[in-house]
Amino acid sequence: MPEGTNPRSPLIQAALTGECPVCGSRTLFAGWVRFAPRCRACGQDFTAYNVGDGPAAFLILVIGALVSALAVVLQVKASPPFWVHILLWVPLTFALVILSLRVSKAAMLIHEARAEVREGRLDDGRKDAR
């Protein structure tokens, strides 16, 4: 591949595989949901991006609503004992949040990098000399 080109997978594919937004190597993660400090292939600094807790909060709300609705439907249709709900919904909720957290955090970081998002600055009122 010629120097200076950026191989770009579609965002979802890049997020699923944990690709570096610069070089495309699968080096984004150091753990299951923890980002590596930098790309092991090209040296891109991943700490410069601020993903924050947005994906986690969003996923907990969405998955919590989905699991709650499913639990109510199960209760109305089958009336299982309480322990069935605990054995079914707690591990399912945990698994869904953790699995989708990895993908959503990766997607947010990759999107920030591709869009060249930078920290906002206030306008100081001066005009550029042109």
N, C-alpha and C. Protein backbone atom coordinates (compact mmCIF):
# COMPACT_ATOMS: atom_id res chain seq x y z
N MET A 1 0.85 -1.18 0.00
CA MET A 1 0.00 0.00 0.00
C MET A 1 0.89 1.23 0.00
N PRO A 2 0.59 2.24 -0.83
CA PRO A 2 1.43 3.43 -0.91
C PRO A 2 1.46 4.20 0.40
N GLU A 3 2.59 4.85 0.66
CA GLU A 3 2.74 5.61 1.88
C GLU A 3 1.77 6.77 1.90
N GLY A 4 1.20 7.06 3.06
CA GLY A 4 0.28 8.18 3.21
C GLY A 4 -1.18 7.81 2.97
N THR A 5 -1.45 6.57 2.55
CA THR A 5 -2.84 6.18 2.37
C THR A 5 -3.37 5.63 3.68
N ASN A 6 -4.65 5.75 3.86
CA ASN A 6 -5.29 5.32 5.09
C ASN A 6 -6.33 4.26 4.77
N PRO A 7 -6.03 2.98 5.08
CA PRO A 7 -7.02 1.94 4.80
C PRO A 7 -8.19 2.09 5.76
N ARG A 8 -9.37 2.32 5.22
CA ARG A 8 -10.52 2.56 6.08
C ARG A 8 -11.57 1.48 5.90
N SER A 9 -11.75 0.72 6.94
CA SER A 9 -12.86 -0.22 6.98
C SER A 9 -14.10 0.58 7.35
N PRO A 10 -15.28 0.06 7.04
CA PRO A 10 -16.49 0.72 7.53
C PRO A 10 -16.43 0.82 9.06
N LEU A 11 -17.07 1.84 9.62
CA LEU A 11 -16.98 2.12 11.05
C LEU A 11 -17.34 0.92 11.92
N ILE A 12 -18.43 0.26 11.62
CA ILE A 12 -18.86 -0.88 12.45
C ILE A 12 -17.85 -2.01 12.38
N GLN A 13 -17.35 -2.30 11.19
CA GLN A 13 -16.33 -3.36 11.05
C GLN A 13 -15.07 -2.99 11.82
N ALA A 14 -14.63 -1.74 11.71
CA ALA A 14 -13.44 -1.29 12.42
C ALA A 14 -13.64 -1.38 13.93
N ALA A 15 -14.85 -1.03 14.40
CA ALA A 15 -15.14 -1.10 15.82
C ALA A 15 -15.19 -2.55 16.31
N LEU A 16 -15.78 -3.43 15.53
CA LEU A 16 -15.87 -4.84 15.92
C LEU A 16 -14.50 -5.50 16.02
N THR A 17 -13.58 -5.10 15.15
CA THR A 17 -12.25 -5.72 15.14
C THR A 17 -11.21 -4.93 15.91
N GLY A 18 -11.57 -3.73 16.41
CA GLY A 18 -10.63 -2.94 17.20
C GLY A 18 -9.48 -2.38 16.39
N GLU A 19 -9.78 -1.84 15.22
CA GLU A 19 -8.74 -1.33 14.34
C GLU A 19 -8.28 0.07 14.75
N CYS A 20 -6.99 0.31 14.59
CA CYS A 20 -6.43 1.65 14.79
C CYS A 20 -7.05 2.57 13.73
N PRO A 21 -7.52 3.77 14.12
CA PRO A 21 -8.13 4.65 13.13
C PRO A 21 -7.14 5.22 12.12
N VAL A 22 -5.84 5.13 12.39
CA VAL A 22 -4.84 5.67 11.48
C VAL A 22 -4.31 4.63 10.51
N CYS A 23 -3.83 3.49 11.04
CA CYS A 23 -3.18 2.51 10.17
C CYS A 23 -4.03 1.28 9.89
N GLY A 24 -5.10 1.05 10.63
CA GLY A 24 -5.96 -0.09 10.39
C GLY A 24 -5.55 -1.37 11.09
N SER A 25 -4.44 -1.34 11.85
CA SER A 25 -4.02 -2.53 12.60
C SER A 25 -4.99 -2.79 13.75
N ARG A 26 -5.11 -4.02 14.14
CA ARG A 26 -6.03 -4.38 15.23
C ARG A 26 -5.35 -4.22 16.58
N THR A 27 -5.07 -2.96 16.93
CA THR A 27 -4.29 -2.65 18.13
C THR A 27 -5.00 -1.69 19.07
N LEU A 28 -6.29 -1.48 18.91
CA LEU A 28 -7.00 -0.46 19.67
C LEU A 28 -7.13 -0.81 21.16
N PHE A 29 -7.26 -2.08 21.47
CA PHE A 29 -7.53 -2.48 22.86
C PHE A 29 -6.34 -3.16 23.52
N ALA A 30 -6.18 -2.89 24.82
CA ALA A 30 -5.19 -3.57 25.65
C ALA A 30 -5.88 -4.60 26.55
N GLY A 31 -7.17 -4.50 26.69
CA GLY A 31 -7.97 -5.42 27.49
C GLY A 31 -9.32 -5.57 26.82
N TRP A 32 -10.28 -6.14 27.54
CA TRP A 32 -11.58 -6.37 26.91
C TRP A 32 -12.27 -5.06 26.54
N VAL A 33 -12.27 -4.07 27.45
CA VAL A 33 -12.87 -2.77 27.14
C VAL A 33 -11.91 -1.61 27.40
N ARG A 34 -10.65 -1.91 27.68
CA ARG A 34 -9.65 -0.87 27.97
C ARG A 34 -8.81 -0.61 26.73
N PHE A 35 -8.74 0.68 26.36
CA PHE A 35 -7.94 1.05 25.21
C PHE A 35 -6.45 0.91 25.51
N ALA A 36 -5.69 0.58 24.50
CA ALA A 36 -4.23 0.61 24.61
C ALA A 36 -3.82 2.09 24.65
N PRO A 37 -2.70 2.42 25.29
CA PRO A 37 -2.28 3.82 25.32
C PRO A 37 -1.91 4.35 23.93
N ARG A 38 -1.35 3.47 23.09
CA ARG A 38 -0.99 3.87 21.73
C ARG A 38 -0.98 2.65 20.83
N CYS A 39 -1.04 2.90 19.53
CA CYS A 39 -1.02 1.81 18.55
C CYS A 39 0.36 1.17 18.53
N ARG A 40 0.40 -0.14 18.60
CA ARG A 40 1.68 -0.85 18.57
C ARG A 40 2.29 -0.87 17.18
N ALA A 41 1.50 -0.57 16.16
CA ALA A 41 2.01 -0.59 14.78
C ALA A 41 2.49 0.79 14.32
N CYS A 42 1.69 1.84 14.54
CA CYS A 42 2.05 3.16 14.00
C CYS A 42 2.36 4.19 15.07
N GLY A 43 2.10 3.88 16.34
CA GLY A 43 2.41 4.81 17.42
C GLY A 43 1.33 5.85 17.70
N GLN A 44 0.16 5.76 17.06
CA GLN A 44 -0.92 6.73 17.29
C GLN A 44 -1.29 6.75 18.77
N ASP A 45 -1.39 7.94 19.35
CA ASP A 45 -1.72 8.12 20.76
C ASP A 45 -3.23 8.06 20.94
N PHE A 46 -3.73 7.00 21.57
CA PHE A 46 -5.16 6.84 21.80
C PHE A 46 -5.64 7.64 23.01
N THR A 47 -4.72 8.06 23.88
CA THR A 47 -5.12 8.82 25.06
C THR A 47 -5.54 10.23 24.69
N ALA A 48 -5.28 10.68 23.47
CA ALA A 48 -5.67 12.02 23.03
C ALA A 48 -7.17 12.11 22.78
N TYR A 49 -7.86 10.99 22.68
CA TYR A 49 -9.30 10.98 22.41
C TYR A 49 -10.06 10.80 23.71
N ASN A 50 -11.18 11.50 23.84
CA ASN A 50 -11.98 11.47 25.05
C ASN A 50 -13.30 10.79 24.78
N VAL A 51 -13.34 9.49 24.99
CA VAL A 51 -14.58 8.75 24.78
C VAL A 51 -15.50 8.93 25.99
N GLY A 52 -14.95 9.00 27.17
CA GLY A 52 -15.75 9.24 28.37
C GLY A 52 -16.68 8.08 28.71
N ASP A 53 -17.71 8.40 29.48
CA ASP A 53 -18.66 7.39 29.95
C ASP A 53 -19.96 7.39 29.16
N GLY A 54 -20.02 8.15 28.09
CA GLY A 54 -21.24 8.22 27.29
C GLY A 54 -21.73 6.88 26.79
N PRO A 55 -20.85 6.07 26.18
CA PRO A 55 -21.32 4.77 25.70
C PRO A 55 -21.85 3.88 26.82
N ALA A 56 -21.20 3.89 27.97
CA ALA A 56 -21.64 3.04 29.07
C ALA A 56 -23.02 3.45 29.57
N ALA A 57 -23.22 4.74 29.79
CA ALA A 57 -24.51 5.21 30.28
C ALA A 57 -25.62 4.92 29.27
N PHE A 58 -25.35 5.18 28.01
CA PHE A 58 -26.34 4.94 26.96
C PHE A 58 -26.70 3.45 26.90
N LEU A 59 -25.70 2.59 26.91
CA LEU A 59 -25.95 1.15 26.81
C LEU A 59 -26.70 0.61 28.01
N ILE A 60 -26.36 1.08 29.19
CA ILE A 60 -27.05 0.62 30.39
C ILE A 60 -28.53 1.00 30.33
N LEU A 61 -28.81 2.21 29.86
CA LEU A 61 -30.22 2.63 29.75
C LEU A 61 -30.96 1.82 28.70
N VAL A 62 -30.38 1.68 27.53
CA VAL A 62 -31.06 0.96 26.44
C VAL A 62 -31.21 -0.52 26.76
N ILE A 63 -30.14 -1.15 27.18
CA ILE A 63 -30.20 -2.58 27.49
C ILE A 63 -31.06 -2.82 28.72
N GLY A 64 -30.99 -1.91 29.70
CA GLY A 64 -31.85 -2.03 30.89
C GLY A 64 -33.32 -1.98 30.53
N ALA A 65 -33.69 -1.08 29.63
CA ALA A 65 -35.09 -0.99 29.20
C ALA A 65 -35.51 -2.24 28.45
N LEU A 66 -34.64 -2.72 27.57
CA LEU A 66 -34.94 -3.93 26.80
C LEU A 66 -35.11 -5.15 27.71
N VAL A 67 -34.18 -5.34 28.62
CA VAL A 67 -34.25 -6.49 29.53
C VAL A 67 -35.45 -6.38 30.45
N SER A 68 -35.75 -5.18 30.92
CA SER A 68 -36.94 -5.00 31.79
C SER A 68 -38.21 -5.37 31.04
N ALA A 69 -38.32 -4.91 29.79
CA ALA A 69 -39.50 -5.24 29.00
C ALA A 69 -39.61 -6.75 28.78
N LEU A 70 -38.50 -7.39 28.47
CA LEU A 70 -38.52 -8.84 28.27
C LEU A 70 -38.88 -9.58 29.56
N ALA A 71 -38.38 -9.09 30.70
CA ALA A 71 -38.71 -9.71 31.98
C ALA A 71 -40.20 -9.59 32.29
N VAL A 72 -40.79 -8.44 31.98
CA VAL A 72 -42.23 -8.26 32.20
C VAL A 72 -43.03 -9.19 31.30
N VAL A 73 -42.63 -9.29 30.04
CA VAL A 73 -43.32 -10.19 29.11
C VAL A 73 -43.24 -11.63 29.61
N LEU A 74 -42.05 -12.06 30.04
CA LEU A 74 -41.89 -13.43 30.56
C LEU A 74 -42.78 -13.64 31.78
N GLN A 75 -42.81 -12.66 32.67
CA GLN A 75 -43.62 -12.79 33.89
C GLN A 75 -45.10 -12.90 33.56
N VAL A 76 -45.56 -12.09 32.62
CA VAL A 76 -46.99 -12.11 32.26
C VAL A 76 -47.35 -13.41 31.54
N LYS A 77 -46.47 -13.88 30.64
CA LYS A 77 -46.78 -15.07 29.84
C LYS A 77 -46.60 -16.38 30.62
N ALA A 78 -45.54 -16.48 31.43
CA ALA A 78 -45.21 -17.77 32.05
C ALA A 78 -45.25 -17.78 33.57
N SER A 79 -45.20 -16.63 34.22
CA SER A 79 -45.17 -16.52 35.69
C SER A 79 -44.14 -17.45 36.34
N PRO A 80 -42.86 -17.35 35.92
CA PRO A 80 -41.85 -18.21 36.54
C PRO A 80 -41.52 -17.72 37.95
N PRO A 81 -40.88 -18.55 38.77
CA PRO A 81 -40.46 -18.10 40.09
C PRO A 81 -39.39 -17.00 39.96
N PHE A 82 -39.21 -16.25 41.04
CA PHE A 82 -38.29 -15.12 41.03
C PHE A 82 -36.87 -15.55 40.70
N TRP A 83 -36.43 -16.70 41.20
CA TRP A 83 -35.05 -17.14 40.96
C TRP A 83 -34.77 -17.36 39.47
N VAL A 84 -35.79 -17.69 38.69
CA VAL A 84 -35.60 -17.84 37.24
C VAL A 84 -35.24 -16.49 36.62
N HIS A 85 -35.91 -15.45 37.07
CA HIS A 85 -35.60 -14.11 36.58
C HIS A 85 -34.15 -13.74 36.92
N ILE A 86 -33.74 -14.03 38.14
CA ILE A 86 -32.37 -13.70 38.55
C ILE A 86 -31.36 -14.47 37.72
N LEU A 87 -31.57 -15.77 37.57
CA LEU A 87 -30.62 -16.59 36.80
C LEU A 87 -30.60 -16.25 35.32
N LEU A 88 -31.69 -15.75 34.80
CA LEU A 88 -31.77 -15.43 33.38
C LEU A 88 -31.31 -14.01 33.06
N TRP A 89 -31.86 -13.02 33.77
CA TRP A 89 -31.66 -11.63 33.36
C TRP A 89 -30.36 -11.01 33.84
N VAL A 90 -29.87 -11.38 34.99
CA VAL A 90 -28.62 -10.77 35.48
C VAL A 90 -27.44 -11.12 34.57
N PRO A 91 -27.18 -12.40 34.28
CA PRO A 91 -26.05 -12.69 33.38
C PRO A 91 -26.27 -12.15 31.96
N LEU A 92 -27.51 -12.20 31.48
CA LEU A 92 -27.79 -11.70 30.14
C LEU A 92 -27.52 -10.19 30.05
N THR A 93 -27.97 -9.45 31.04
CA THR A 93 -27.73 -8.00 31.06
C THR A 93 -26.24 -7.70 31.12
N PHE A 94 -25.53 -8.38 31.99
CA PHE A 94 -24.08 -8.18 32.11
C PHE A 94 -23.38 -8.47 30.79
N ALA A 95 -23.70 -9.58 30.18
CA ALA A 95 -23.05 -9.96 28.92
C ALA A 95 -23.36 -8.96 27.81
N LEU A 96 -24.61 -8.54 27.69
CA LEU A 96 -24.98 -7.58 26.65
C LEU A 96 -24.27 -6.24 26.82
N VAL A 97 -24.18 -5.76 28.06
CA VAL A 97 -23.52 -4.47 28.30
C VAL A 97 -22.03 -4.57 28.00
N ILE A 98 -21.38 -5.59 28.48
CA ILE A 98 -19.92 -5.72 28.26
C ILE A 98 -19.61 -5.91 26.78
N LEU A 99 -20.35 -6.78 26.10
CA LEU A 99 -20.07 -7.01 24.68
C LEU A 99 -20.32 -5.76 23.84
N SER A 100 -21.41 -5.07 24.10
CA SER A 100 -21.71 -3.89 23.30
C SER A 100 -20.88 -2.68 23.72
N LEU A 101 -20.37 -2.67 24.95
CA LEU A 101 -19.52 -1.58 25.41
C LEU A 101 -18.22 -1.52 24.62
N ARG A 102 -17.62 -2.67 24.37
CA ARG A 102 -16.38 -2.71 23.60
C ARG A 102 -16.58 -2.10 22.21
N VAL A 103 -17.64 -2.51 21.55
CA VAL A 103 -17.90 -2.04 20.19
C VAL A 103 -18.25 -0.55 20.18
N SER A 104 -19.08 -0.11 21.12
CA SER A 104 -19.49 1.29 21.12
C SER A 104 -18.35 2.23 21.48
N LYS A 105 -17.49 1.83 22.42
CA LYS A 105 -16.33 2.67 22.75
C LYS A 105 -15.39 2.76 21.55
N ALA A 106 -15.15 1.63 20.89
CA ALA A 106 -14.28 1.63 19.72
C ALA A 106 -14.86 2.50 18.61
N ALA A 107 -16.16 2.38 18.37
CA ALA A 107 -16.80 3.18 17.32
C ALA A 107 -16.68 4.67 17.62
N MET A 108 -16.85 5.04 18.87
CA MET A 108 -16.77 6.45 19.23
C MET A 108 -15.35 6.99 19.04
N LEU A 109 -14.33 6.24 19.47
CA LEU A 109 -12.95 6.68 19.30
C LEU A 109 -12.58 6.76 17.82
N ILE A 110 -12.93 5.75 17.06
CA ILE A 110 -12.60 5.73 15.63
C ILE A 110 -13.30 6.89 14.91
N HIS A 111 -14.55 7.15 15.25
CA HIS A 111 -15.27 8.26 14.63
C HIS A 111 -14.62 9.60 14.99
N GLU A 112 -14.23 9.77 16.26
CA GLU A 112 -13.54 11.00 16.67
C GLU A 112 -12.26 11.19 15.86
N ALA A 113 -11.50 10.11 15.69
CA ALA A 113 -10.24 10.20 14.95
C ALA A 113 -10.47 10.52 13.48
N ARG A 114 -11.43 9.86 12.88
CA ARG A 114 -11.70 10.08 11.45
C ARG A 114 -12.26 11.48 11.18
N ALA A 115 -13.05 12.01 12.12
CA ALA A 115 -13.62 13.34 11.96
C ALA A 115 -12.66 14.43 12.43
N GLU A 116 -11.51 14.03 12.93
CA GLU A 116 -10.49 14.96 13.44
C GLU A 116 -11.07 15.90 14.48
N VAL A 117 -11.81 15.32 15.43
CA VAL A 117 -12.42 16.09 16.50
C VAL A 117 -11.32 16.62 17.42
N ARG A 118 -11.41 17.87 17.77
CA ARG A 118 -10.45 18.50 18.66
C ARG A 118 -11.20 19.17 19.81
N GLU A 119 -10.45 19.51 20.85
CA GLU A 119 -11.04 20.19 21.98
C GLU A 119 -11.55 21.56 21.55
N GLY A 120 -12.73 21.94 22.03
CA GLY A 120 -13.31 23.22 21.68
C GLY A 120 -12.58 24.38 22.33
N ARG A 121 -12.57 25.50 21.67
CA ARG A 121 -11.95 26.71 22.19
C ARG A 121 -12.92 27.86 22.02
N LEU A 122 -12.90 28.79 22.97
CA LEU A 122 -13.75 29.96 22.88
C LEU A 122 -13.10 31.00 21.99
N ASP A 123 -13.91 31.70 21.24
CA ASP A 123 -13.43 32.76 20.37
C ASP A 123 -13.06 33.95 21.26
N ASP A 124 -11.84 34.47 21.10
CA ASP A 124 -11.42 35.60 21.94
C ASP A 124 -11.80 36.95 21.34
N GLY A 125 -12.54 36.94 20.22
CA GLY A 125 -13.02 38.18 19.63
C GLY A 125 -12.09 38.86 18.66
N ARG A 126 -10.87 38.38 18.53
CA ARG A 126 -9.93 39.01 17.61
C ARG A 126 -10.14 38.47 16.21
N LYS A 127 -9.97 39.33 15.23
CA LYS A 127 -10.07 38.95 13.81
C LYS A 127 -8.70 38.53 13.32
N ASP A 128 -8.68 37.54 12.44
CA ASP A 128 -7.41 37.13 11.83
C ASP A 128 -6.93 38.22 10.89
N ALA A 129 -5.64 38.49 10.89
CA ALA A 129 -5.06 39.48 9.96
C ALA A 129 -4.93 38.84 8.60
N ARG A 130 -5.62 39.37 7.62
CA ARG A 130 -5.57 38.80 6.27
C ARG A 130 -5.18 39.83 5.28
